[in-house]
Amino acid sequence: MKPRPLVFLHARLKTEIKTKTGLKRFLPAVLSGEFERSEVELARWQGSGDIAATARANCYIVVPPDRERIAAGEWVPVLLR
């Protein structure tokens, strides 16, 4: 059985993200909308051990290691679950 390829797309960020630099981050999020109207926002979570937040999420926002802040309205890469 072949592994399934990872599916990435881009969506408009609903609310600002602030994070530390240095690591690529995959933050649990909720994707809504269709095609060019796709929007994404962070799932409420308390850190990497928050299993319930990961279960609520339907995707992950990919934050590049050099970004400390991503403004609301920017297009961000999203990894589908």
N, C-alpha and C. Protein backbone atom coordinates (compact mmCIF):
# COMPACT_ATOMS: atom_id res chain seq x y z
N MET A 1 0.84 -1.17 0.00
CA MET A 1 0.00 0.00 0.00
C MET A 1 0.89 1.24 0.00
N LYS A 2 0.68 2.12 -0.97
CA LYS A 2 1.47 3.34 -1.07
C LYS A 2 0.98 4.38 -0.07
N PRO A 3 1.91 5.15 0.51
CA PRO A 3 1.47 6.23 1.39
C PRO A 3 0.77 7.33 0.58
N ARG A 4 -0.23 7.95 1.18
CA ARG A 4 -0.94 9.04 0.51
C ARG A 4 -0.07 10.29 0.53
N PRO A 5 -0.08 11.07 -0.54
CA PRO A 5 0.69 12.32 -0.55
C PRO A 5 0.04 13.34 0.38
N LEU A 6 0.87 14.22 0.94
CA LEU A 6 0.35 15.30 1.77
C LEU A 6 -0.35 16.32 0.88
N VAL A 7 -1.48 16.83 1.34
CA VAL A 7 -2.25 17.80 0.56
C VAL A 7 -2.12 19.17 1.21
N PHE A 8 -1.52 20.11 0.47
CA PHE A 8 -1.38 21.49 0.93
C PHE A 8 -2.24 22.39 0.06
N LEU A 9 -2.75 23.46 0.64
CA LEU A 9 -3.43 24.50 -0.11
C LEU A 9 -3.17 25.82 0.60
N HIS A 10 -3.73 26.90 0.08
CA HIS A 10 -3.59 28.21 0.71
C HIS A 10 -4.97 28.73 1.09
N ALA A 11 -5.05 29.41 2.23
CA ALA A 11 -6.31 29.99 2.70
C ALA A 11 -6.00 31.33 3.36
N ARG A 12 -7.00 32.18 3.40
CA ARG A 12 -6.85 33.50 4.02
C ARG A 12 -7.00 33.34 5.54
N LEU A 13 -6.07 33.95 6.27
CA LEU A 13 -6.04 33.86 7.72
C LEU A 13 -7.09 34.80 8.33
N LYS A 14 -7.94 34.28 9.23
CA LYS A 14 -8.99 35.09 9.84
C LYS A 14 -8.46 36.00 10.94
N THR A 15 -7.54 35.51 11.76
CA THR A 15 -7.02 36.29 12.87
C THR A 15 -5.50 36.22 12.90
N GLU A 16 -4.88 37.24 13.42
CA GLU A 16 -3.42 37.33 13.47
C GLU A 16 -2.81 36.18 14.26
N ILE A 17 -1.63 35.75 13.82
CA ILE A 17 -0.86 34.74 14.54
C ILE A 17 0.46 35.37 14.96
N LYS A 18 0.81 35.19 16.24
CA LYS A 18 2.11 35.60 16.75
C LYS A 18 2.78 34.35 17.31
N THR A 19 4.04 34.14 16.94
CA THR A 19 4.75 32.95 17.40
C THR A 19 6.25 33.26 17.46
N LYS A 20 7.02 32.34 17.96
CA LYS A 20 8.47 32.49 18.00
C LYS A 20 9.07 32.05 16.67
N THR A 21 10.22 32.60 16.34
CA THR A 21 10.91 32.20 15.12
C THR A 21 11.86 31.03 15.42
N GLY A 22 12.40 30.44 14.35
CA GLY A 22 13.40 29.41 14.51
C GLY A 22 12.94 28.01 14.13
N LEU A 23 11.65 27.74 14.24
CA LEU A 23 11.12 26.41 13.90
C LEU A 23 9.94 26.55 12.96
N LYS A 24 9.82 25.62 12.03
CA LYS A 24 8.59 25.55 11.22
C LYS A 24 7.52 24.98 12.14
N ARG A 25 6.37 25.64 12.18
CA ARG A 25 5.30 25.22 13.08
C ARG A 25 4.08 24.75 12.30
N PHE A 26 3.44 23.73 12.82
CA PHE A 26 2.20 23.20 12.26
C PHE A 26 1.15 23.37 13.35
N LEU A 27 0.34 24.42 13.23
CA LEU A 27 -0.61 24.78 14.28
C LEU A 27 -2.00 24.27 13.92
N PRO A 28 -2.68 23.57 14.86
CA PRO A 28 -4.01 23.05 14.57
C PRO A 28 -4.98 24.18 14.26
N ALA A 29 -5.79 23.98 13.22
CA ALA A 29 -6.67 25.05 12.76
C ALA A 29 -7.96 24.48 12.19
N VAL A 30 -8.89 25.40 11.91
CA VAL A 30 -10.18 25.03 11.32
C VAL A 30 -10.30 25.77 9.99
N LEU A 31 -10.47 25.02 8.93
CA LEU A 31 -10.60 25.55 7.57
C LEU A 31 -12.08 25.60 7.21
N SER A 32 -12.50 26.71 6.59
CA SER A 32 -13.89 26.84 6.14
C SER A 32 -13.92 27.55 4.80
N GLY A 33 -15.04 27.49 4.12
CA GLY A 33 -15.19 28.15 2.83
C GLY A 33 -14.84 27.23 1.68
N GLU A 34 -14.83 27.80 0.47
CA GLU A 34 -14.57 27.04 -0.74
C GLU A 34 -13.55 27.74 -1.61
N PHE A 35 -12.67 27.00 -2.21
CA PHE A 35 -11.70 27.45 -3.21
C PHE A 35 -11.10 28.80 -2.86
N GLU A 36 -11.32 29.85 -3.68
CA GLU A 36 -10.70 31.15 -3.45
C GLU A 36 -11.26 31.87 -2.23
N ARG A 37 -12.32 31.35 -1.64
CA ARG A 37 -12.92 31.97 -0.46
C ARG A 37 -12.56 31.21 0.82
N SER A 38 -11.59 30.35 0.75
CA SER A 38 -11.19 29.56 1.92
C SER A 38 -10.61 30.47 3.00
N GLU A 39 -11.04 30.22 4.24
CA GLU A 39 -10.52 30.94 5.39
C GLU A 39 -10.08 29.92 6.44
N VAL A 40 -9.10 30.33 7.22
CA VAL A 40 -8.59 29.43 8.25
C VAL A 40 -8.33 30.22 9.52
N GLU A 41 -8.58 29.58 10.66
CA GLU A 41 -8.28 30.20 11.95
C GLU A 41 -7.75 29.13 12.89
N LEU A 42 -6.94 29.56 13.84
CA LEU A 42 -6.37 28.63 14.80
C LEU A 42 -7.47 27.99 15.63
N ALA A 43 -7.31 26.72 15.91
CA ALA A 43 -8.19 26.05 16.87
C ALA A 43 -7.76 26.52 18.26
N ARG A 44 -8.72 26.61 19.18
CA ARG A 44 -8.35 26.95 20.56
C ARG A 44 -7.52 25.79 21.11
N TRP A 45 -6.32 26.11 21.58
CA TRP A 45 -5.48 25.03 22.10
C TRP A 45 -4.51 25.58 23.14
N GLN A 46 -3.99 24.66 23.96
CA GLN A 46 -3.11 25.01 25.07
C GLN A 46 -1.69 24.50 24.87
N GLY A 47 -1.32 24.19 23.64
CA GLY A 47 0.03 23.72 23.37
C GLY A 47 0.03 22.35 22.73
N SER A 48 1.24 21.83 22.50
CA SER A 48 1.38 20.60 21.72
C SER A 48 0.76 19.37 22.38
N GLY A 49 0.51 19.41 23.67
CA GLY A 49 -0.10 18.27 24.35
C GLY A 49 -1.62 18.30 24.38
N ASP A 50 -2.23 19.31 23.78
CA ASP A 50 -3.68 19.47 23.80
C ASP A 50 -4.31 18.59 22.72
N ILE A 51 -4.62 17.36 23.08
CA ILE A 51 -5.17 16.38 22.14
C ILE A 51 -6.56 16.78 21.66
N ALA A 52 -7.37 17.37 22.53
CA ALA A 52 -8.73 17.76 22.15
C ALA A 52 -8.70 18.81 21.03
N ALA A 53 -7.78 19.76 21.10
CA ALA A 53 -7.67 20.78 20.05
C ALA A 53 -7.26 20.15 18.73
N THR A 54 -6.36 19.21 18.79
CA THR A 54 -5.94 18.52 17.57
C THR A 54 -7.11 17.75 16.97
N ALA A 55 -7.95 17.16 17.82
CA ALA A 55 -9.12 16.43 17.33
C ALA A 55 -10.14 17.37 16.69
N ARG A 56 -10.29 18.59 17.22
CA ARG A 56 -11.23 19.57 16.66
C ARG A 56 -10.75 20.13 15.33
N ALA A 57 -9.46 20.16 15.12
CA ALA A 57 -8.88 20.77 13.92
C ALA A 57 -9.12 19.89 12.69
N ASN A 58 -9.30 20.54 11.53
CA ASN A 58 -9.40 19.79 10.28
C ASN A 58 -8.21 20.06 9.37
N CYS A 59 -7.24 20.84 9.90
CA CYS A 59 -6.03 21.15 9.12
C CYS A 59 -4.98 21.72 10.07
N TYR A 60 -3.82 22.03 9.51
CA TYR A 60 -2.75 22.69 10.24
C TYR A 60 -2.27 23.89 9.44
N ILE A 61 -2.13 25.04 10.10
CA ILE A 61 -1.52 26.20 9.46
C ILE A 61 -0.01 25.99 9.54
N VAL A 62 0.68 26.16 8.42
CA VAL A 62 2.12 25.99 8.37
C VAL A 62 2.76 27.37 8.51
N VAL A 63 3.50 27.57 9.60
CA VAL A 63 4.16 28.84 9.86
C VAL A 63 5.65 28.66 9.58
N PRO A 64 6.20 29.39 8.60
CA PRO A 64 7.62 29.27 8.28
C PRO A 64 8.49 29.69 9.47
N PRO A 65 9.71 29.16 9.57
CA PRO A 65 10.57 29.43 10.73
C PRO A 65 11.00 30.89 10.86
N ASP A 66 10.91 31.67 9.79
CA ASP A 66 11.36 33.07 9.85
C ASP A 66 10.23 34.05 10.12
N ARG A 67 9.01 33.57 10.34
CA ARG A 67 7.86 34.46 10.56
C ARG A 67 7.51 34.53 12.04
N GLU A 68 7.55 35.73 12.59
CA GLU A 68 7.17 35.95 13.98
C GLU A 68 5.70 36.35 14.09
N ARG A 69 5.21 36.98 13.02
CA ARG A 69 3.83 37.48 13.01
C ARG A 69 3.25 37.29 11.62
N ILE A 70 2.01 36.82 11.56
CA ILE A 70 1.27 36.74 10.30
C ILE A 70 -0.03 37.50 10.52
N ALA A 71 -0.26 38.51 9.71
CA ALA A 71 -1.43 39.38 9.87
C ALA A 71 -2.70 38.71 9.37
N ALA A 72 -3.82 39.08 9.98
CA ALA A 72 -5.12 38.62 9.49
C ALA A 72 -5.28 39.08 8.05
N GLY A 73 -5.83 38.23 7.22
CA GLY A 73 -6.04 38.56 5.81
C GLY A 73 -4.96 38.04 4.89
N GLU A 74 -3.80 37.65 5.45
CA GLU A 74 -2.73 37.08 4.61
C GLU A 74 -3.11 35.67 4.19
N TRP A 75 -2.59 35.26 3.03
CA TRP A 75 -2.75 33.88 2.58
C TRP A 75 -1.66 33.05 3.23
N VAL A 76 -2.04 31.92 3.82
CA VAL A 76 -1.09 31.05 4.52
C VAL A 76 -1.18 29.64 3.96
N PRO A 77 -0.07 28.89 4.01
CA PRO A 77 -0.12 27.48 3.61
C PRO A 77 -0.84 26.65 4.67
N VAL A 78 -1.65 25.71 4.20
CA VAL A 78 -2.45 24.87 5.08
C VAL A 78 -2.24 23.41 4.68
N LEU A 79 -2.00 22.57 5.67
CA LEU A 79 -1.87 21.13 5.46
C LEU A 79 -3.18 20.48 5.90
N LEU A 80 -3.86 19.81 4.96
CA LEU A 80 -5.12 19.15 5.30
C LEU A 80 -4.86 17.88 6.10
N ARG A 81 -5.80 17.55 7.00
CA ARG A 81 -5.71 16.32 7.79
C ARG A 81 -6.32 15.18 7.04
